[in-house]
Amino acid sequence: MRYKFYASGNKVVCVSSYAKRAVRGVAKCNMEQDTFELETGKKLAQLRCDKAIAVKRHKRASEQYLAAMKAYEDAEKNMLKMRKYFEDSGDELAAADKALTEFESSI
C-alpha cells in the first residue's frame, strides 16, 4: 500500500486510497503531555489509516457477501422449482405413454 504523509505543527496525516477514494489517518500530539516525534506520529497515522481502510473493506465485503447469498438463495429456489417442473413433466410423459400403449393394444 502506498502512503503520503503530511505534517504540520503537532499533527501528522497519512493518506492512502481504497476503491479509488482517499482515506486518511491522523495522529495529533498533545503538547502539554507528550513530546512530538515525527516518526511516531507517522506510524500512528499510518496504522489509523490502515484501520480505516480495513473498516471500509470489511463493510464492502459484507455487502458483497449478502448480495451473493441472496443470488444463491434465488438460484436455489429457481432450481427447486425447475426440478419439480422436470419431475412433473416426466410423470406426465409416463402417463401419456401408458395411455397411448393401452389404447394401441386395445384396437
Protein backbone atom coordinates (compact mmCIF):
# COMPACT_ATOMS: atom_id res chain seq x y z
CA MET A 1 0.00 0.00 0.00
CA ARG A 2 1.27 3.48 -0.78
CA TYR A 3 1.09 6.31 1.70
CA LYS A 4 1.64 10.04 1.63
CA PHE A 5 2.39 11.86 4.83
CA TYR A 6 1.73 15.48 5.68
CA ALA A 7 2.97 17.07 8.87
CA SER A 8 2.08 20.45 10.29
CA GLY A 9 2.88 21.52 13.79
CA ASN A 10 1.94 18.71 16.13
CA LYS A 11 -0.25 16.88 13.59
CA VAL A 12 0.59 14.13 11.07
CA VAL A 13 -1.83 12.99 8.38
CA CYS A 14 -1.36 9.78 6.42
CA VAL A 15 -3.26 9.49 3.14
CA SER A 16 -3.77 6.36 1.09
CA SER A 17 -6.55 5.09 -1.14
CA TYR A 18 -9.16 2.40 -1.21
CA ALA A 19 -11.54 1.87 -4.13
CA LYS A 20 -10.10 4.96 -5.83
CA ARG A 21 -11.02 7.16 -2.86
CA ALA A 22 -8.73 8.90 -0.43
CA VAL A 23 -8.58 7.50 3.09
CA ARG A 24 -6.69 9.18 5.87
CA GLY A 25 -5.40 8.55 9.31
CA VAL A 26 -4.50 11.34 11.69
CA ALA A 27 -2.15 11.50 14.66
CA LYS A 28 -2.03 14.56 16.85
CA CYS A 29 0.36 15.14 19.70
CA ASN A 30 -0.92 16.66 22.92
CA MET A 31 1.96 19.09 23.51
CA GLU A 32 1.04 19.53 27.17
CA GLN A 33 1.59 15.87 27.98
CA ASP A 34 3.79 14.49 25.17
CA THR A 35 6.83 15.36 23.11
CA PHE A 36 6.21 15.46 19.36
CA GLU A 37 8.15 12.84 17.41
CA LEU A 38 7.60 12.79 13.65
CA GLU A 39 8.32 9.07 13.14
CA THR A 40 5.96 8.06 15.95
CA GLY A 41 3.28 10.34 14.52
CA LYS A 42 3.77 8.86 11.04
CA LYS A 43 3.48 5.30 12.35
CA LEU A 44 0.36 6.11 14.37
CA ALA A 45 -1.25 7.95 11.44
CA GLN A 46 -0.41 5.04 9.11
CA LEU A 47 -1.92 2.48 11.48
CA ARG A 48 -5.08 4.58 11.81
CA CYS A 49 -5.24 4.88 8.03
CA ASP A 50 -4.83 1.11 7.70
CA LYS A 51 -7.67 0.59 10.18
CA ALA A 52 -9.94 2.98 8.26
CA ILE A 53 -9.21 1.05 5.05
CA ALA A 54 -9.86 -2.27 6.81
CA VAL A 55 -13.22 -0.98 8.08
CA LYS A 56 -14.23 0.14 4.57
CA ARG A 57 -13.03 -3.14 3.06
CA HIS A 58 -14.92 -5.19 5.64
CA LYS A 59 -18.10 -3.20 5.05
CA ARG A 60 -17.83 -3.74 1.29
CA ALA A 61 -17.08 -7.44 1.75
CA SER A 62 -20.15 -7.78 3.96
CA GLU A 63 -22.36 -6.09 1.36
CA GLN A 64 -20.96 -8.27 -1.42
CA TYR A 65 -21.39 -11.42 0.65
CA LEU A 66 -25.03 -10.59 1.40
CA ALA A 67 -25.68 -9.91 -2.30
CA ALA A 68 -24.04 -13.22 -3.22
CA MET A 69 -26.10 -15.08 -0.61
CA LYS A 70 -29.31 -13.56 -1.99
CA ALA A 71 -28.33 -14.55 -5.54
CA TYR A 72 -27.51 -18.06 -4.29
CA GLU A 73 -30.83 -18.39 -2.46
CA ASP A 74 -32.73 -17.10 -5.52
CA ALA A 75 -30.87 -19.59 -7.74
CA GLU A 76 -31.57 -22.44 -5.33
CA LYS A 77 -35.26 -21.51 -5.21
CA ASN A 78 -35.39 -21.48 -9.01
CA MET A 79 -33.52 -24.80 -9.19
CA LEU A 80 -36.08 -26.42 -6.87
CA LYS A 81 -38.90 -25.02 -8.97
CA MET A 82 -37.30 -26.38 -12.15
CA ARG A 83 -36.69 -29.79 -10.54
CA LYS A 84 -40.41 -30.03 -9.68
CA TYR A 85 -41.27 -28.97 -13.23
CA PHE A 86 -38.91 -31.63 -14.61
CA GLU A 87 -40.33 -34.34 -12.34
CA ASP A 88 -43.93 -33.38 -13.17
CA SER A 89 -43.18 -33.42 -16.91
CA GLY A 90 -41.64 -36.89 -16.50
CA ASP A 91 -44.79 -38.10 -14.72
CA GLU A 92 -46.95 -36.62 -17.48
CA LEU A 93 -44.79 -38.26 -20.15
CA ALA A 94 -45.07 -41.65 -18.44
CA ALA A 95 -48.85 -41.26 -18.11
CA ALA A 96 -49.23 -40.24 -21.77
CA ASP A 97 -47.02 -43.13 -22.90
CA LYS A 98 -49.02 -45.59 -20.78
CA ALA A 99 -52.35 -44.28 -22.09
CA LEU A 100 -51.12 -44.50 -25.68
CA THR A 101 -49.78 -48.03 -25.20
CA GLU A 102 -53.04 -49.21 -23.56
CA PHE A 103 -55.15 -47.66 -26.31
CA GLU A 104 -53.00 -49.12 -29.09
CA SER A 105 -53.19 -52.57 -27.55
CA SER A 106 -56.98 -52.37 -27.33
CA ILE A 107 -57.52 -51.69 -31.02
